[in-house]
Amino acid sequence: MVHPHVRSSSDPYDGLEDQLIELIGLVKIVPPLIQQDRERRWHEISGRPVDDPDSDIIDTFGSEAGPEEGYGFAKYDYTIYVAAVVTAWESFREYLIRELYESVFFYNLTAYPALTKLVKEERQRWSRRLDSIRQRYRDFMAIKLTDLPSWEAVAHAHQLRNALVHNLGQYTQDYLKTKMARRPQDEDTDGVMHRYPDDELIDQATIPLSEEFVRDVIGSLLRAAQEIREAVAARNAL
């Protein structure tokens, strides 16, 4: 869900920056708090007097946590990482839309309901398709987004978001086509990193997420927004 200030902020970049910084804080702060709470529960259980010599700490730990916590091992950190990536992408897309809309559709069309309807429908298309946004930046402002240095990171974040939302977080062919795609690397018993062929990943393996990786993805979107803001400002100054 996009935070309201991304849309309501007087400056779209300021709204985006506020949202992305909060998301970086979310992935940095919350997963460790969850882990600390689990460790506290484990230590509390392990310090209790033992009534049943056959009981095991891990059984008690799982029983008290219950199924809603995955018996103490639910991957809440992954869920938080997914939410952060998806929200960051939706916020970035809203930034793209506002930056474009407020640069080229600043006319008061209230006296022209037919034109108002066409503009509204056009903006709705931008919300559904990234390629429509790219095309309109090129058509209306002569800005080719794909030529920006940061656009590879944008393409990566977009396909990562699509895989997380539409493919249960598993690899897709489109995600693996991005130059920044993160592939799993498992270390075998001899310390050699094993690389998997793409056809063994698509629809089978889950894209690994970590705090560092997610923070990099979010940070790359903020850097891209900075480049876009500069390109728009240069165009508007002509």
Protein backbone atom coordinates (compact mmCIF):
# COMPACT_ATOMS: atom_id res chain seq x y z
CA MET A 1 0.00 0.00 0.00
CA VAL A 2 1.41 3.39 -1.02
CA HIS A 3 1.79 5.76 1.91
CA PRO A 4 -0.56 8.74 1.40
CA HIS A 5 2.19 11.36 1.48
CA VAL A 6 3.65 9.97 -1.74
CA ARG A 7 0.57 11.27 -3.52
CA SER A 8 -0.35 14.22 -1.34
CA SER A 9 3.09 15.78 -0.82
CA SER A 10 3.44 19.12 -2.58
CA ASP A 11 6.70 17.85 -4.08
CA PRO A 12 6.58 14.29 -5.49
CA TYR A 13 10.28 13.73 -4.90
CA ASP A 14 10.03 14.73 -1.23
CA GLY A 15 7.13 12.34 -0.78
CA LEU A 16 9.06 9.51 -2.41
CA GLU A 17 12.19 10.21 -0.38
CA ASP A 18 10.23 10.15 2.89
CA GLN A 19 8.59 6.85 1.95
CA LEU A 20 11.78 5.09 0.85
CA ILE A 21 13.74 6.20 3.90
CA GLU A 22 10.98 4.80 6.11
CA LEU A 23 11.11 1.50 4.23
CA ILE A 24 14.87 1.28 4.70
CA GLY A 25 14.25 1.80 8.41
CA LEU A 26 11.60 -0.94 8.37
CA VAL A 27 13.93 -3.61 6.97
CA LYS A 28 16.76 -2.48 9.23
CA ILE A 29 14.84 -2.32 12.53
CA VAL A 30 11.96 -4.81 12.54
CA PRO A 31 13.54 -8.20 11.66
CA PRO A 32 16.16 -7.91 14.46
CA LEU A 33 13.38 -7.07 16.93
CA ILE A 34 11.55 -10.24 15.94
CA GLN A 35 14.73 -12.29 16.38
CA GLN A 36 15.39 -10.71 19.78
CA ASP A 37 11.89 -11.63 20.93
CA ARG A 38 12.41 -15.24 19.85
CA GLU A 39 15.74 -15.42 21.66
CA ARG A 40 14.13 -13.97 24.79
CA ARG A 41 11.43 -16.66 24.68
CA TRP A 42 14.01 -19.40 24.14
CA HIS A 43 16.13 -18.28 27.08
CA GLU A 44 13.06 -17.98 29.30
CA ILE A 45 11.96 -21.52 28.45
CA SER A 46 15.45 -22.96 28.87
CA GLY A 47 15.66 -21.43 32.37
CA ARG A 48 12.50 -23.09 33.67
CA PRO A 49 12.58 -26.07 36.05
CA VAL A 50 12.23 -29.33 34.12
CA ASP A 51 9.13 -31.30 35.18
CA ASP A 52 9.28 -33.86 32.38
CA PRO A 53 12.78 -35.28 31.78
CA ASP A 54 11.68 -36.37 28.31
CA SER A 55 10.58 -32.87 27.27
CA ASP A 56 12.73 -30.86 24.89
CA ILE A 57 13.19 -27.09 24.84
CA ILE A 58 12.47 -26.90 21.13
CA ASP A 59 9.15 -28.72 21.59
CA THR A 60 8.04 -26.30 24.29
CA PHE A 61 9.27 -23.36 22.24
CA GLY A 62 7.27 -24.47 19.21
CA SER A 63 4.17 -25.28 21.24
CA GLU A 64 4.07 -21.87 22.90
CA ALA A 65 4.73 -20.04 19.65
CA GLY A 66 1.97 -21.90 17.86
CA PRO A 67 1.16 -22.26 14.18
CA GLU A 68 0.55 -18.53 13.68
CA GLU A 69 4.27 -18.01 14.37
CA GLY A 70 5.37 -21.03 12.40
CA TYR A 71 6.05 -22.74 15.75
CA GLY A 72 8.69 -20.12 16.37
CA PHE A 73 10.36 -20.20 12.95
CA ALA A 74 8.05 -18.25 10.62
CA LYS A 75 10.03 -16.30 8.06
CA TYR A 76 8.64 -12.93 9.06
CA ASP A 77 11.81 -11.21 7.89
CA TYR A 78 11.15 -12.39 4.33
CA THR A 79 7.58 -11.10 4.51
CA ILE A 80 8.86 -7.70 5.63
CA TYR A 81 11.42 -7.63 2.82
CA VAL A 82 8.72 -8.43 0.26
CA ALA A 83 6.42 -5.71 1.59
CA ALA A 84 9.27 -3.19 1.48
CA VAL A 85 10.22 -3.97 -2.13
CA VAL A 86 6.63 -3.89 -3.36
CA THR A 87 5.81 -0.64 -1.54
CA ALA A 88 9.04 0.95 -2.73
CA TRP A 89 8.23 0.09 -6.34
CA GLU A 90 4.65 1.38 -6.14
CA SER A 91 5.90 4.60 -4.55
CA PHE A 92 8.53 5.02 -7.27
CA ARG A 93 5.96 4.46 -10.00
CA GLU A 94 3.69 7.06 -8.41
CA TYR A 95 6.65 9.45 -8.40
CA LEU A 96 7.20 8.84 -12.13
CA ILE A 97 3.54 9.53 -12.81
CA ARG A 98 3.38 12.72 -10.76
CA GLU A 99 6.61 14.11 -12.18
CA LEU A 100 5.33 13.58 -15.72
CA TYR A 101 1.76 14.68 -15.10
CA GLU A 102 2.65 17.87 -13.28
CA SER A 103 5.16 18.83 -15.97
CA VAL A 104 2.90 18.41 -19.01
CA PHE A 105 -0.71 18.42 -17.80
CA PHE A 106 -0.78 21.59 -15.75
CA TYR A 107 -3.71 23.11 -17.68
CA ASN A 108 -7.13 23.73 -16.13
CA LEU A 109 -9.48 21.61 -18.21
CA THR A 110 -12.62 21.92 -16.11
CA ALA A 111 -14.37 23.71 -18.98
CA TYR A 112 -13.55 20.82 -21.32
CA PRO A 113 -15.05 17.61 -19.87
CA ALA A 114 -14.12 15.51 -22.91
CA LEU A 115 -10.46 16.46 -22.60
CA THR A 116 -10.59 15.93 -18.84
CA LYS A 117 -11.84 12.39 -19.44
CA LEU A 118 -9.08 11.67 -21.95
CA VAL A 119 -6.38 12.93 -19.60
CA LYS A 120 -7.81 10.86 -16.73
CA GLU A 121 -7.80 7.71 -18.88
CA GLU A 122 -4.25 8.43 -19.99
CA ARG A 123 -3.07 8.69 -16.39
CA GLN A 124 -4.83 5.45 -15.51
CA ARG A 125 -2.84 3.70 -18.24
CA TRP A 126 0.36 4.94 -16.64
CA SER A 127 -0.66 3.26 -13.39
CA ARG A 128 -0.96 -0.08 -15.16
CA ARG A 129 1.96 -0.14 -17.58
CA LEU A 130 5.55 1.02 -17.13
CA ASP A 131 6.10 1.04 -20.88
CA SER A 132 3.34 3.65 -21.22
CA ILE A 133 5.15 5.88 -18.75
CA ARG A 134 8.45 5.48 -20.62
CA GLN A 135 6.76 6.28 -23.92
CA ARG A 136 5.11 9.44 -22.57
CA TYR A 137 8.35 10.73 -21.04
CA ARG A 138 9.87 10.35 -24.49
CA ASP A 139 6.87 11.80 -26.40
CA PHE A 140 6.01 14.68 -24.10
CA MET A 141 9.38 15.68 -22.63
CA ALA A 142 11.98 14.13 -24.98
CA ILE A 143 13.43 12.20 -22.03
CA LYS A 144 14.48 8.63 -22.77
CA LEU A 145 14.36 6.98 -19.36
CA THR A 146 16.14 3.86 -20.56
CA ASP A 147 19.25 5.94 -21.33
CA LEU A 148 19.64 7.05 -17.71
CA PRO A 149 22.57 5.39 -15.87
CA SER A 150 20.24 4.08 -13.16
CA TRP A 151 17.64 2.53 -15.41
CA GLU A 152 19.08 -1.00 -15.22
CA ALA A 153 18.45 -0.87 -11.47
CA VAL A 154 14.89 0.33 -12.13
CA ALA A 155 14.28 -2.56 -14.53
CA HIS A 156 15.63 -4.96 -11.92
CA ALA A 157 13.39 -3.56 -9.17
CA HIS A 158 10.38 -3.73 -11.49
CA GLN A 159 10.87 -7.39 -12.40
CA LEU A 160 11.70 -8.27 -8.80
CA ARG A 161 8.42 -6.70 -7.72
CA ASN A 162 6.55 -8.63 -10.43
CA ALA A 163 8.09 -11.93 -9.33
CA LEU A 164 7.24 -11.26 -5.69
CA VAL A 165 3.64 -10.25 -6.46
CA HIS A 166 2.72 -12.53 -9.36
CA ASN A 167 4.94 -15.60 -8.93
CA LEU A 168 5.01 -16.17 -5.17
CA GLY A 169 8.54 -14.81 -4.98
CA GLN A 170 9.97 -17.45 -7.30
CA TYR A 171 12.24 -16.72 -10.24
CA THR A 172 10.73 -15.65 -13.54
CA GLN A 173 12.32 -15.54 -16.97
CA ASP A 174 11.86 -11.77 -17.11
CA TYR A 175 13.61 -11.30 -13.76
CA LEU A 176 16.57 -13.43 -14.80
CA LYS A 177 16.91 -11.37 -17.99
CA THR A 178 17.76 -8.26 -15.95
CA LYS A 179 21.47 -7.58 -15.65
CA MET A 180 21.25 -7.22 -11.86
CA ALA A 181 19.25 -10.39 -11.17
CA ARG A 182 20.29 -12.04 -7.89
CA ARG A 183 20.89 -15.75 -8.27
CA PRO A 184 21.28 -18.22 -5.39
CA GLN A 185 24.78 -19.44 -4.65
CA ASP A 186 25.15 -22.42 -2.34
CA GLU A 187 28.50 -23.44 -0.91
CA ASP A 188 29.08 -27.17 -1.11
CA THR A 189 31.09 -29.29 1.32
CA ASP A 190 34.34 -28.45 -0.46
CA GLY A 191 33.73 -24.71 -0.19
CA VAL A 192 32.96 -24.38 -3.90
CA MET A 193 30.07 -22.12 -4.90
CA HIS A 194 27.45 -23.97 -6.94
CA ARG A 195 25.62 -21.99 -9.63
CA TYR A 196 22.23 -23.14 -10.85
CA PRO A 197 21.17 -22.98 -14.52
CA ASP A 198 18.25 -20.64 -15.10
CA ASP A 199 15.85 -23.39 -16.12
CA GLU A 200 16.26 -24.92 -12.65
CA LEU A 201 15.30 -21.62 -11.04
CA ILE A 202 12.23 -20.44 -12.96
CA ASP A 203 9.02 -21.29 -11.05
CA GLN A 204 11.04 -23.53 -8.71
CA ALA A 205 13.42 -21.50 -6.54
CA THR A 206 12.59 -18.52 -4.37
CA ILE A 207 14.54 -15.30 -4.97
CA PRO A 208 16.69 -14.81 -1.85
CA LEU A 209 16.08 -11.55 0.00
CA SER A 210 18.20 -10.01 2.73
CA GLU A 211 18.36 -6.68 4.51
CA GLU A 212 21.39 -5.54 2.52
CA PHE A 213 19.91 -6.60 -0.81
CA VAL A 214 16.53 -4.95 -0.16
CA ARG A 215 18.16 -1.74 1.05
CA ASP A 216 20.21 -1.66 -2.16
CA VAL A 217 17.07 -2.10 -4.27
CA ILE A 218 15.27 0.72 -2.45
CA GLY A 219 18.33 2.96 -2.59
CA SER A 220 18.65 2.40 -6.34
CA LEU A 221 15.10 3.66 -6.86
CA LEU A 222 15.87 6.82 -4.92
CA ARG A 223 18.98 7.42 -7.01
CA ALA A 224 16.96 6.89 -10.18
CA ALA A 225 14.39 9.41 -8.98
CA GLN A 226 17.18 11.93 -8.46
CA GLU A 227 18.38 11.45 -12.05
CA ILE A 228 14.84 11.78 -13.37
CA ARG A 229 14.25 14.92 -11.33
CA GLU A 230 17.41 16.44 -12.81
CA ALA A 231 16.42 15.47 -16.36
CA VAL A 232 12.95 16.97 -15.93
CA ALA A 233 14.38 20.16 -14.45
CA ALA A 234 16.77 20.51 -17.40
CA ARG A 235 13.91 20.03 -19.85
CA ASN A 236 11.66 22.52 -18.06
CA ALA A 237 14.44 25.09 -18.09
CA LEU A 238 14.52 25.17 -21.90
